[in-house]
Amino acid sequence: MDVIRVRVVSPPDITERVLAFLSGDPSVLNLVTQPGAARHPGGDAIACDVLTGAANEVLRALRALHLDERGSIVIEPVDMAFFGRDAKAGAQRMGVLTHAPVWEEVEARIRSLGTYAPSFYLYLVVAGLIGAVGIVTNSQILIVAAMVVGPEYGAIVSIALGIDQHDGNRIRQGLLALLRGFSLAIVVTFLFSLLIRACGFESDAFSLGVRPVSQLINTPNFFSFAVAGLAGVIGVVSLTEAKTSALLGVFISVTTIPAAADIAVSVAFTSWSEVRGSLVQLFVNIVVLIVMGTATLRCQRAIWRRVGARRDPSARR
């Protein structure tokens, strides 16, 4: 049975209203209150478990009481729980809705990915350097490694959330982070590639123009759009359902970092046609990931709203 733990600090003047709502909701379990126990902020401590299928409605009602402004609301995942017959009956009445995403939790997860500490730029630079080595040595394994290291998907999905919520500041922050991060990665990788060329460290095949890895990256086609679109869908779905293995698959299926690395390597080796192809590849992947991520977020919200509207009213208060 899927549940989440909700901890609330309630100002004493609205605690009765909060308890009346929670105690009257059959999806709320294990309700515990400790009057005056909370500090920073001060108030009454309330804790309960909520069936996941009803969590969005419960959290919306708590926010309508301004608990997120006057007190606090904390959501915690529950890995395992055992409940009695009444709780199981409530979950059965909800049906498929028991697996609905908790949107507050999903958005918090995406917001955490959309933070741009110095390590964000460091990861991009390191990923670009690994990608450059993979290109000049024709090593597909290193290209995959560069994809996994790259943190750019966090910024991309954060932009998608910003578009979905009409949050211009989040969109600007994400776009600036991508612009600065990829620019820095390309510049550092270009200097590294110049060093490789000056020292003759590139593979013999690469020197002779046999560059299968580079050609795969800098030749955008229909499949570039298709893979980026599918990755955009799966990336958002994996975040809403907390499927880290699927999200890892997104990291190793799109060619953002390899394209940035190939731009730098191609400039260093004066392969101008490859520079143009890699620029297109990078742009296509980022744009398609953002567009498909935004569309998937909106579709998921609409689908789960429709499922919730069809649910038996007796499952709620």
C-alpha atoms as a PDB file:
ATOM      1  CA  MET A   1       0.000   0.000   0.000  1.00  0.00           C
ATOM      2  CA  ASP A   2       1.437   3.383  -1.023  1.00  0.00           C
ATOM      3  CA  VAL A   3       1.368   6.096   1.636  1.00  0.00           C
ATOM      4  CA  ILE A   4       3.283   9.239   2.484  1.00  0.00           C
ATOM      5  CA  ARG A   5       4.023  10.708   5.893  1.00  0.00           C
ATOM      6  CA  VAL A   6       2.857  14.294   6.422  1.00  0.00           C
ATOM      7  CA  ARG A   7       4.155  16.373   9.330  1.00  0.00           C
ATOM      8  CA  VAL A   8       2.506  19.702  10.051  1.00  0.00           C
ATOM      9  CA  VAL A   9       3.196  22.560  12.428  1.00  0.00           C
ATOM     10  CA  SER A  10      -0.096  24.348  12.962  1.00  0.00           C
ATOM     11  CA  PRO A  11      -0.719  27.696  14.690  1.00  0.00           C
ATOM     12  CA  PRO A  12      -3.000  26.969  17.694  1.00  0.00           C
ATOM     13  CA  ASP A  13      -5.828  29.137  16.358  1.00  0.00           C
ATOM     14  CA  ILE A  14      -6.402  26.870  13.328  1.00  0.00           C
ATOM     15  CA  THR A  15      -5.407  23.502  14.801  1.00  0.00           C
ATOM     16  CA  GLU A  16      -9.023  22.495  15.411  1.00  0.00           C
ATOM     17  CA  ARG A  17      -9.884  23.124  11.753  1.00  0.00           C
ATOM     18  CA  VAL A  18      -6.856  21.127  10.631  1.00  0.00           C
ATOM     19  CA  LEU A  19      -7.730  18.197  12.908  1.00  0.00           C
ATOM     20  CA  ALA A  20     -11.377  18.304  11.869  1.00  0.00           C
ATOM     21  CA  PHE A  21     -10.383  17.981   8.222  1.00  0.00           C
ATOM     22  CA  LEU A  22      -7.781  15.258   8.766  1.00  0.00           C
ATOM     23  CA  SER A  23      -9.850  13.156  11.170  1.00  0.00           C
ATOM     24  CA  GLY A  24     -12.821  13.248   8.825  1.00  0.00           C
ATOM     25  CA  ASP A  25     -10.874  12.046   5.814  1.00  0.00           C
ATOM     26  CA  PRO A  26     -10.796   8.235   5.400  1.00  0.00           C
ATOM     27  CA  SER A  27      -7.528   8.422   3.461  1.00  0.00           C
ATOM     28  CA  VAL A  28      -5.739   9.869   6.527  1.00  0.00           C
ATOM     29  CA  LEU A  29      -4.292   7.258   8.894  1.00  0.00           C
ATOM     30  CA  ASN A  30      -2.319   7.233  12.153  1.00  0.00           C
ATOM     31  CA  LEU A  31      -3.234  10.792  13.067  1.00  0.00           C
ATOM     32  CA  VAL A  32      -1.166  12.075  15.995  1.00  0.00           C
ATOM     33  CA  THR A  33      -1.197  15.537  17.562  1.00  0.00           C
ATOM     34  CA  GLN A  34       1.074  17.138  20.182  1.00  0.00           C
ATOM     35  CA  PRO A  35      -0.255  20.524  21.350  1.00  0.00           C
ATOM     36  CA  GLY A  36       2.449  23.160  21.746  1.00  0.00           C
ATOM     37  CA  ALA A  37       5.272  20.732  20.997  1.00  0.00           C
ATOM     38  CA  ALA A  38       6.720  22.450  17.919  1.00  0.00           C
ATOM     39  CA  ARG A  39       9.425  25.131  17.854  1.00  0.00           C
ATOM     40  CA  HIS A  40      10.793  27.163  14.910  1.00  0.00           C
ATOM     41  CA  PRO A  41       8.046  27.690  13.917  1.00  0.00           C
ATOM     42  CA  GLY A  42       6.111  27.345  17.137  1.00  0.00           C
ATOM     43  CA  GLY A  43       2.737  25.656  17.284  1.00  0.00           C
ATOM     44  CA  ASP A  44       1.032  22.308  17.521  1.00  0.00           C
ATOM     45  CA  ALA A  45       2.783  19.295  15.979  1.00  0.00           C
ATOM     46  CA  ILE A  46       0.546  17.089  13.849  1.00  0.00           C
ATOM     47  CA  ALA A  47       1.620  13.936  12.009  1.00  0.00           C
ATOM     48  CA  CYS A  48      -0.303  11.467   9.884  1.00  0.00           C
ATOM     49  CA  ASP A  49      -0.014   9.001   7.033  1.00  0.00           C
ATOM     50  CA  VAL A  50      -1.975   9.669   3.847  1.00  0.00           C
ATOM     51  CA  LEU A  51      -2.867   7.213   1.097  1.00  0.00           C
ATOM     52  CA  THR A  52      -0.908   8.383  -1.931  1.00  0.00           C
ATOM     53  CA  GLY A  53      -3.978   8.509  -4.157  1.00  0.00           C
ATOM     54  CA  ALA A  54      -5.523  11.196  -1.948  1.00  0.00           C
ATOM     55  CA  ALA A  55      -2.317  13.050  -1.076  1.00  0.00           C
ATOM     56  CA  ASN A  56      -2.719  15.803  -3.677  1.00  0.00           C
ATOM     57  CA  GLU A  57      -6.175  16.712  -2.376  1.00  0.00           C
ATOM     58  CA  VAL A  58      -5.090  16.561   1.269  1.00  0.00           C
ATOM     59  CA  LEU A  59      -2.043  18.747   0.653  1.00  0.00           C
ATOM     60  CA  ARG A  60      -4.119  21.198  -1.363  1.00  0.00           C
ATOM     61  CA  ALA A  61      -6.576  21.497   1.538  1.00  0.00           C
ATOM     62  CA  LEU A  62      -3.769  22.039   4.062  1.00  0.00           C
ATOM     63  CA  ARG A  63      -2.274  24.773   1.907  1.00  0.00           C
ATOM     64  CA  ALA A  64      -5.714  26.366   1.597  1.00  0.00           C
ATOM     65  CA  LEU A  65      -5.566  26.751   5.395  1.00  0.00           C
ATOM     66  CA  HIS A  66      -2.244  28.638   4.858  1.00  0.00           C
ATOM     67  CA  LEU A  67      -0.252  26.128   6.855  1.00  0.00           C
ATOM     68  CA  ASP A  68       2.631  26.466   4.400  1.00  0.00           C
ATOM     69  CA  GLU A  69       2.811  30.202   5.262  1.00  0.00           C
ATOM     70  CA  ARG A  70       1.892  30.338   8.943  1.00  0.00           C
ATOM     71  CA  GLY A  71       3.396  26.995   9.975  1.00  0.00           C
ATOM     72  CA  SER A  72       5.041  24.284   7.934  1.00  0.00           C
ATOM     73  CA  ILE A  73       4.217  21.170   5.913  1.00  0.00           C
ATOM     74  CA  VAL A  74       6.777  18.383   5.507  1.00  0.00           C
ATOM     75  CA  ILE A  75       6.304  15.349   3.237  1.00  0.00           C
ATOM     76  CA  GLU A  76       8.271  12.168   3.823  1.00  0.00           C
ATOM     77  CA  PRO A  77       8.299   8.956   1.761  1.00  0.00           C
ATOM     78  CA  VAL A  78       7.299   5.711   3.474  1.00  0.00           C
ATOM     79  CA  ASP A  79       9.156   2.657   2.229  1.00  0.00           C
ATOM     80  CA  MET A  80       6.955   0.058   3.910  1.00  0.00           C
ATOM     81  CA  ALA A  81       3.746   0.146   5.930  1.00  0.00           C
ATOM     82  CA  PHE A  82       1.202  -2.374   7.268  1.00  0.00           C
ATOM     83  CA  PHE A  83      -2.374  -1.250   7.837  1.00  0.00           C
ATOM     84  CA  GLY A  84      -5.666  -2.784   8.874  1.00  0.00           C
ATOM     85  CA  ARG A  85      -8.757  -3.709   6.906  1.00  0.00           C
ATOM     86  CA  ASP A  86     -10.255  -0.202   6.731  1.00  0.00           C
ATOM     87  CA  ALA A  87      -7.150   1.286   5.161  1.00  0.00           C
ATOM     88  CA  LYS A  88      -6.923  -1.550   2.644  1.00  0.00           C
ATOM     89  CA  ALA A  89     -10.571  -1.076   1.743  1.00  0.00           C
ATOM     90  CA  GLY A  90      -9.956   2.630   1.172  1.00  0.00           C
ATOM     91  CA  ALA A  91      -7.025   1.862  -1.095  1.00  0.00           C
ATOM     92  CA  GLN A  92      -9.105  -0.618  -3.068  1.00  0.00           C
ATOM     93  CA  ARG A  93     -11.841   1.993  -3.578  1.00  0.00           C
ATOM     94  CA  MET A  94      -9.262   4.346  -5.056  1.00  0.00           C
ATOM     95  CA  GLY A  95      -8.155   1.763  -7.575  1.00  0.00           C
ATOM     96  CA  VAL A  96      -5.432   2.973  -9.941  1.00  0.00           C
ATOM     97  CA  LEU A  97      -5.454   6.376  -8.248  1.00  0.00           C
ATOM     98  CA  THR A  98      -3.384   4.860  -5.430  1.00  0.00           C
ATOM     99  CA  HIS A  99      -0.407   5.164  -7.795  1.00  0.00           C
ATOM    100  CA  ALA A 100      -0.989   8.833  -8.652  1.00  0.00           C
ATOM    101  CA  PRO A 101       2.084  11.085  -8.402  1.00  0.00           C
ATOM    102  CA  VAL A 102       2.229  13.413  -5.415  1.00  0.00           C
ATOM    103  CA  TRP A 103       2.776  16.614  -7.345  1.00  0.00           C
ATOM    104  CA  GLU A 104       4.245  18.574  -4.446  1.00  0.00           C
ATOM    105  CA  GLU A 105       6.895  15.862  -4.117  1.00  0.00           C
ATOM    106  CA  VAL A 106       7.498  15.691  -7.881  1.00  0.00           C
ATOM    107  CA  GLU A 107       7.968  19.436  -8.166  1.00  0.00           C
ATOM    108  CA  ALA A 108      10.308  19.478  -5.174  1.00  0.00           C
ATOM    109  CA  ARG A 109      12.365  16.739  -6.851  1.00  0.00           C
ATOM    110  CA  ILE A 110      12.588  18.736 -10.077  1.00  0.00           C
ATOM    111  CA  ARG A 111      13.432  21.946  -8.216  1.00  0.00           C
ATOM    112  CA  SER A 112      16.297  20.148  -6.489  1.00  0.00           C
ATOM    113  CA  LEU A 113      17.640  19.107  -9.901  1.00  0.00           C
ATOM    114  CA  GLY A 114      17.347  22.703 -11.092  1.00  0.00           C
ATOM    115  CA  THR A 115      19.976  24.079  -8.712  1.00  0.00           C
ATOM    116  CA  TYR A 116      23.152  25.406 -10.247  1.00  0.00           C
ATOM    117  CA  ALA A 117      25.916  25.176  -7.704  1.00  0.00           C
ATOM    118  CA  PRO A 118      29.557  25.312  -8.884  1.00  0.00           C
ATOM    119  CA  SER A 119      29.503  21.514  -9.047  1.00  0.00           C
ATOM    120  CA  PHE A 120      26.900  21.733 -11.858  1.00  0.00           C
ATOM    121  CA  TYR A 121      29.437  23.508 -14.068  1.00  0.00           C
ATOM    122  CA  LEU A 122      32.275  21.267 -12.903  1.00  0.00           C
ATOM    123  CA  TYR A 123      30.325  18.165 -13.919  1.00  0.00           C
ATOM    124  CA  LEU A 124      29.617  19.669 -17.340  1.00  0.00           C
ATOM    125  CA  VAL A 125      33.295  20.470 -17.893  1.00  0.00           C
ATOM    126  CA  VAL A 126      34.433  17.015 -16.766  1.00  0.00           C
ATOM    127  CA  ALA A 127      31.776  15.371 -18.929  1.00  0.00           C
ATOM    128  CA  GLY A 128      32.976  17.416 -21.913  1.00  0.00           C
ATOM    129  CA  LEU A 129      36.586  16.354 -21.328  1.00  0.00           C
ATOM    130  CA  ILE A 130      35.602  12.693 -21.082  1.00  0.00           C
ATOM    131  CA  GLY A 131      33.566  13.089 -24.259  1.00  0.00           C
ATOM    132  CA  ALA A 132      36.546  14.622 -26.065  1.00  0.00           C
ATOM    133  CA  VAL A 133      38.744  11.657 -25.150  1.00  0.00           C
ATOM    134  CA  GLY A 134      36.016   9.321 -26.375  1.00  0.00           C
ATOM    135  CA  ILE A 135      35.848  11.161 -29.703  1.00  0.00           C
ATOM    136  CA  VAL A 136      39.589  11.292 -30.459  1.00  0.00           C
ATOM    137  CA  THR A 137      40.041   7.646 -29.445  1.00  0.00           C
ATOM    138  CA  ASN A 138      36.803   6.440 -31.120  1.00  0.00           C
ATOM    139  CA  SER A 139      35.653   5.001 -27.787  1.00  0.00           C
ATOM    140  CA  GLN A 140      31.887   4.640 -27.481  1.00  0.00           C
ATOM    141  CA  ILE A 141      32.275   3.555 -23.849  1.00  0.00           C
ATOM    142  CA  LEU A 142      33.761   6.917 -22.928  1.00  0.00           C
ATOM    143  CA  ILE A 143      30.942   8.708 -24.766  1.00  0.00           C
ATOM    144  CA  VAL A 144      28.419   6.833 -22.628  1.00  0.00           C
ATOM    145  CA  ALA A 145      30.451   7.741 -19.530  1.00  0.00           C
ATOM    146  CA  ALA A 146      30.310  11.419 -20.531  1.00  0.00           C
ATOM    147  CA  MET A 147      26.519  11.180 -20.908  1.00  0.00           C
ATOM    148  CA  VAL A 148      26.128   9.723 -17.431  1.00  0.00           C
ATOM    149  CA  VAL A 149      28.343  12.372 -15.804  1.00  0.00           C
ATOM    150  CA  GLY A 150      26.578  15.306 -17.476  1.00  0.00           C
ATOM    151  CA  PRO A 151      24.046  17.083 -15.182  1.00  0.00           C
ATOM    152  CA  GLU A 152      22.282  19.077 -17.911  1.00  0.00           C
ATOM    153  CA  TYR A 153      19.017  17.138 -17.752  1.00  0.00           C
ATOM    154  CA  GLY A 154      18.287  18.712 -14.362  1.00  0.00           C
ATOM    155  CA  ALA A 155      18.310  22.163 -15.957  1.00  0.00           C
ATOM    156  CA  ILE A 156      16.264  20.951 -18.919  1.00  0.00           C
ATOM    157  CA  VAL A 157      13.479  19.440 -16.811  1.00  0.00           C
ATOM    158  CA  SER A 158      13.524  22.503 -14.543  1.00  0.00           C
ATOM    159  CA  ILE A 159      12.875  24.685 -17.602  1.00  0.00           C
ATOM    160  CA  ALA A 160      10.020  22.355 -18.566  1.00  0.00           C
ATOM    161  CA  LEU A 161       8.511  22.789 -15.082  1.00  0.00           C
ATOM    162  CA  GLY A 162       8.922  26.561 -15.414  1.00  0.00           C
ATOM    163  CA  ILE A 163       7.032  26.544 -18.711  1.00  0.00           C
ATOM    164  CA  ASP A 164       4.323  24.320 -17.244  1.00  0.00           C
ATOM    165  CA  GLN A 165       3.868  26.669 -14.280  1.00  0.00           C
ATOM    166  CA  HIS A 166       4.444  29.905 -16.232  1.00  0.00           C
ATOM    167  CA  ASP A 167       7.450  30.626 -14.022  1.00  0.00           C
ATOM    168  CA  GLY A 168       9.609  32.989 -16.089  1.00  0.00           C
ATOM    169  CA  ASN A 169      12.335  33.187 -13.450  1.00  0.00           C
ATOM    170  CA  ARG A 170      12.843  29.405 -13.431  1.00  0.00           C
ATOM    171  CA  ILE A 171      12.963  29.357 -17.227  1.00  0.00           C
ATOM    172  CA  ARG A 172      15.552  32.143 -17.349  1.00  0.00           C
ATOM    173  CA  GLN A 173      17.699  30.527 -14.669  1.00  0.00           C
ATOM    174  CA  GLY A 174      17.672  27.184 -16.477  1.00  0.00           C
ATOM    175  CA  LEU A 175      18.465  28.655 -19.887  1.00  0.00           C
ATOM    176  CA  LEU A 176      21.301  30.766 -18.450  1.00  0.00           C
ATOM    177  CA  ALA A 177      22.717  27.741 -16.624  1.00  0.00           C
ATOM    178  CA  LEU A 178      22.703  25.729 -19.859  1.00  0.00           C
ATOM    179  CA  LEU A 179      24.249  28.577 -21.852  1.00  0.00           C
ATOM    180  CA  ARG A 180      26.978  29.253 -19.306  1.00  0.00           C
ATOM    181  CA  GLY A 181      27.600  25.587 -18.564  1.00  0.00           C
ATOM    182  CA  PHE A 182      27.890  24.429 -22.167  1.00  0.00           C
ATOM    183  CA  SER A 183      29.934  27.492 -23.124  1.00  0.00           C
ATOM    184  CA  LEU A 184      32.384  26.801 -20.314  1.00  0.00           C
ATOM    185  CA  ALA A 185      32.518  23.091 -21.168  1.00  0.00           C
ATOM    186  CA  ILE A 186      33.161  23.818 -24.858  1.00  0.00           C
ATOM    187  CA  VAL A 187      35.912  26.358 -24.126  1.00  0.00           C
ATOM    188  CA  VAL A 188      37.750  24.095 -21.660  1.00  0.00           C
ATOM    189  CA  THR A 189      37.312  21.071 -23.920  1.00  0.00           C
ATOM    190  CA  PHE A 190      38.599  23.105 -26.888  1.00  0.00           C
ATOM    191  CA  LEU A 191      41.787  23.974 -24.989  1.00  0.00           C
ATOM    192  CA  PHE A 192      42.163  20.335 -23.981  1.00  0.00           C
ATOM    193  CA  SER A 193      41.663  19.271 -27.596  1.00  0.00           C
ATOM    194  CA  LEU A 194      44.344  21.717 -28.755  1.00  0.00           C
ATOM    195  CA  LEU A 195      46.722  20.059 -26.292  1.00  0.00           C
ATOM    196  CA  ILE A 196      45.794  16.622 -27.654  1.00  0.00           C
ATOM    197  CA  ARG A 197      46.448  17.797 -31.210  1.00  0.00           C
ATOM    198  CA  ALA A 198      49.738  19.506 -30.336  1.00  0.00           C
ATOM    199  CA  CYS A 199      51.026  16.391 -28.575  1.00  0.00           C
ATOM    200  CA  GLY A 200      49.658  13.965 -31.167  1.00  0.00           C
ATOM    201  CA  PHE A 201      47.633  12.021 -28.606  1.00  0.00           C
ATOM    202  CA  GLU A 202      44.688  11.363 -30.936  1.00  0.00           C
ATOM    203  CA  SER A 203      44.319   7.844 -32.315  1.00  0.00           C
ATOM    204  CA  ASP A 204      45.813   6.966 -35.699  1.00  0.00           C
ATOM    205  CA  ALA A 205      42.364   6.226 -37.087  1.00  0.00           C
ATOM    206  CA  PHE A 206      41.114   9.655 -35.993  1.00  0.00           C
ATOM    207  CA  SER A 207      44.119  11.317 -37.660  1.00  0.00           C
ATOM    208  CA  LEU A 208      43.340   9.481 -40.904  1.00  0.00           C
ATOM    209  CA  GLY A 209      39.733  10.688 -40.846  1.00  0.00           C
ATOM    210  CA  VAL A 210      38.206   7.445 -39.585  1.00  0.00           C
ATOM    211  CA  ARG A 211      35.876   8.957 -36.980  1.00  0.00           C
ATOM    212  CA  PRO A 212      32.781   6.782 -36.497  1.00  0.00           C
ATOM    213  CA  VAL A 213      31.972   8.210 -33.064  1.00  0.00           C
ATOM    214  CA  SER A 214      32.266  11.811 -34.213  1.00  0.00           C
ATOM    215  CA  GLN A 215      30.239  11.131 -37.349  1.00  0.00           C
ATOM    216  CA  LEU A 216      27.468   9.567 -35.316  1.00  0.00           C
ATOM    217  CA  ILE A 217      27.298  12.677 -33.128  1.00  0.00           C
ATOM    218  CA  ASN A 218      27.543  15.383 -35.788  1.00  0.00           C
ATOM    219  CA  THR A 219      25.066  13.871 -38.253  1.00  0.00           C
ATOM    220  CA  PRO A 220      21.626  14.829 -36.941  1.00  0.00           C
ATOM    221  CA  ASN A 221      18.669  13.130 -38.628  1.00  0.00           C
ATOM    222  CA  PHE A 222      15.135  11.931 -37.951  1.00  0.00           C
ATOM    223  CA  PHE A 223      16.364   9.570 -35.260  1.00  0.00           C
ATOM    224  CA  SER A 224      17.917  12.495 -33.363  1.00  0.00           C
ATOM    225  CA  PHE A 225      14.440  13.995 -32.972  1.00  0.00           C
ATOM    226  CA  ALA A 226      12.834  10.632 -32.218  1.00  0.00           C
ATOM    227  CA  VAL A 227      15.291   9.575 -29.511  1.00  0.00           C
ATOM    228  CA  ALA A 228      15.328  13.012 -27.870  1.00  0.00           C
ATOM    229  CA  GLY A 229      11.511  13.085 -27.877  1.00  0.00           C
ATOM    230  CA  LEU A 230      11.196   9.640 -26.331  1.00  0.00           C
ATOM    231  CA  ALA A 231      13.883  10.484 -23.777  1.00  0.00           C
ATOM    232  CA  GLY A 232      11.985  13.652 -22.861  1.00  0.00           C
ATOM    233  CA  VAL A 233       8.837  11.624 -22.164  1.00  0.00           C
ATOM    234  CA  ILE A 234      10.565   8.888 -20.168  1.00  0.00           C
ATOM    235  CA  GLY A 235      12.669  11.384 -18.225  1.00  0.00           C
ATOM    236  CA  VAL A 236       9.620  13.184 -16.832  1.00  0.00           C
ATOM    237  CA  VAL A 237       7.686   9.963 -16.192  1.00  0.00           C
ATOM    238  CA  SER A 238      10.666   8.532 -14.311  1.00  0.00           C
ATOM    239  CA  LEU A 239      10.806  11.653 -12.149  1.00  0.00           C
ATOM    240  CA  THR A 240       7.091  11.574 -11.352  1.00  0.00           C
ATOM    241  CA  GLU A 241       7.328   7.898 -10.404  1.00  0.00           C
ATOM    242  CA  ALA A 242      10.818   8.147  -8.832  1.00  0.00           C
ATOM    243  CA  LYS A 243      12.229   5.518 -11.216  1.00  0.00           C
ATOM    244  CA  THR A 244      15.959   6.268 -11.051  1.00  0.00           C
ATOM    245  CA  SER A 245      16.904   3.427 -13.382  1.00  0.00           C
ATOM    246  CA  ALA A 246      14.719   4.858 -16.148  1.00  0.00           C
ATOM    247  CA  LEU A 247      16.147   8.325 -15.539  1.00  0.00           C
ATOM    248  CA  LEU A 248      19.653   6.929 -15.916  1.00  0.00           C
ATOM    249  CA  GLY A 249      18.530   5.562 -19.271  1.00  0.00           C
ATOM    250  CA  VAL A 250      17.662   9.098 -20.338  1.00  0.00           C
ATOM    251  CA  PHE A 251      21.133  10.287 -19.405  1.00  0.00           C
ATOM    252  CA  ILE A 252      22.748   7.759 -21.746  1.00  0.00           C
ATOM    253  CA  SER A 253      20.323   8.124 -24.658  1.00  0.00           C
ATOM    254  CA  VAL A 254      20.709  11.766 -25.699  1.00  0.00           C
ATOM    255  CA  THR A 255      23.717  13.443 -27.240  1.00  0.00           C
ATOM    256  CA  THR A 256      23.895  16.835 -25.540  1.00  0.00           C
ATOM    257  CA  ILE A 257      27.280  16.443 -23.853  1.00  0.00           C
ATOM    258  CA  PRO A 258      28.827  14.455 -26.747  1.00  0.00           C
ATOM    259  CA  ALA A 259      27.643  17.146 -29.171  1.00  0.00           C
ATOM    260  CA  ALA A 260      29.225  19.897 -27.050  1.00  0.00           C
ATOM    261  CA  ALA A 261      32.460  17.914 -26.829  1.00  0.00           C
ATOM    262  CA  ASP A 262      32.444  17.315 -30.589  1.00  0.00           C
ATOM    263  CA  ILE A 263      32.046  21.042 -31.220  1.00  0.00           C
ATOM    264  CA  ALA A 264      35.203  21.695 -29.219  1.00  0.00           C
ATOM    265  CA  VAL A 265      37.176  18.847 -30.775  1.00  0.00           C
ATOM    266  CA  SER A 266      36.085  19.755 -34.307  1.00  0.00           C
ATOM    267  CA  VAL A 267      37.112  23.397 -33.866  1.00  0.00           C
ATOM    268  CA  ALA A 268      40.486  22.322 -32.487  1.00  0.00           C
ATOM    269  CA  PHE A 269      41.005  20.024 -35.502  1.00  0.00           C
ATOM    270  CA  THR A 270      39.464  22.600 -37.928  1.00  0.00           C
ATOM    271  CA  SER A 271      36.694  20.248 -39.075  1.00  0.00           C
ATOM    272  CA  TRP A 272      34.119  22.958 -39.742  1.00  0.00           C
ATOM    273  CA  SER A 273      31.362  20.785 -41.230  1.00  0.00           C
ATOM    274  CA  GLU A 274      31.450  18.657 -38.093  1.00  0.00           C
ATOM    275  CA  VAL A 275      31.140  21.805 -35.982  1.00  0.00           C
ATOM    276  CA  ARG A 276      27.910  22.745 -37.779  1.00  0.00           C
ATOM    277  CA  GLY A 277      26.467  19.261 -37.436  1.00  0.00           C
ATOM    278  CA  SER A 278      27.254  19.084 -33.720  1.00  0.00           C
ATOM    279  CA  LEU A 279      25.734  22.525 -33.117  1.00  0.00           C
ATOM    280  CA  VAL A 280      22.510  21.361 -34.753  1.00  0.00           C
ATOM    281  CA  GLN A 281      22.582  18.127 -32.759  1.00  0.00           C
ATOM    282  CA  LEU A 282      23.035  19.994 -29.471  1.00  0.00           C
ATOM    283  CA  PHE A 283      20.268  22.478 -30.253  1.00  0.00           C
ATOM    284  CA  VAL A 284      17.851  19.775 -31.431  1.00  0.00           C
ATOM    285  CA  ASN A 285      18.342  17.633 -28.329  1.00  0.00           C
ATOM    286  CA  ILE A 286      17.901  20.490 -25.858  1.00  0.00           C
ATOM    287  CA  VAL A 287      14.825  21.951 -27.570  1.00  0.00           C
ATOM    288  CA  VAL A 288      13.103  18.602 -28.074  1.00  0.00           C
ATOM    289  CA  LEU A 289      13.799  17.522 -24.475  1.00  0.00           C
ATOM    290  CA  ILE A 290      12.293  20.767 -23.144  1.00  0.00           C
ATOM    291  CA  VAL A 291       9.240  20.611 -25.413  1.00  0.00           C
ATOM    292  CA  MET A 292       8.514  16.944 -24.738  1.00  0.00           C
ATOM    293  CA  GLY A 293       9.186  17.356 -21.012  1.00  0.00           C
ATOM    294  CA  THR A 294       6.676  20.202 -20.786  1.00  0.00           C
ATOM    295  CA  ALA A 295       4.084  18.301 -22.843  1.00  0.00           C
ATOM    296  CA  THR A 296       4.514  15.170 -20.714  1.00  0.00           C
ATOM    297  CA  LEU A 297       4.092  17.089 -17.458  1.00  0.00           C
ATOM    298  CA  ARG A 298       0.868  18.657 -18.710  1.00  0.00           C
ATOM    299  CA  CYS A 299      -0.460  15.385 -20.097  1.00  0.00           C
ATOM    300  CA  GLN A 300       0.242  13.558 -16.849  1.00  0.00           C
ATOM    301  CA  ARG A 301      -1.546  16.204 -14.802  1.00  0.00           C
ATOM    302  CA  ALA A 302      -4.540  16.079 -17.141  1.00  0.00           C
ATOM    303  CA  ILE A 303      -4.679  12.273 -17.119  1.00  0.00           C
ATOM    304  CA  TRP A 304      -4.518  11.992 -13.332  1.00  0.00           C
ATOM    305  CA  ARG A 305      -7.104  14.766 -12.931  1.00  0.00           C
ATOM    306  CA  ARG A 306      -9.417  12.785 -15.210  1.00  0.00           C
ATOM    307  CA  VAL A 307      -8.779   9.598 -13.249  1.00  0.00           C
ATOM    308  CA  GLY A 308      -9.487  11.464  -9.997  1.00  0.00           C
ATOM    309  CA  ALA A 309     -12.743  12.907 -11.394  1.00  0.00           C
ATOM    310  CA  ARG A 310     -13.977   9.388 -12.165  1.00  0.00           C
ATOM    311  CA  ARG A 311     -13.154   8.043  -8.705  1.00  0.00           C
ATOM    312  CA  ASP A 312     -16.028   6.964  -6.491  1.00  0.00           C
ATOM    313  CA  PRO A 313     -17.038  10.005  -4.352  1.00  0.00           C
ATOM    314  CA  SER A 314     -17.511   7.731  -1.335  1.00  0.00           C
ATOM    315  CA  ALA A 315     -13.733   7.300  -1.222  1.00  0.00           C
ATOM    316  CA  ARG A 316     -13.503  10.875   0.035  1.00  0.00           C
ATOM    317  CA  ARG A 317     -15.247  12.846   2.726  1.00  0.00           C
END
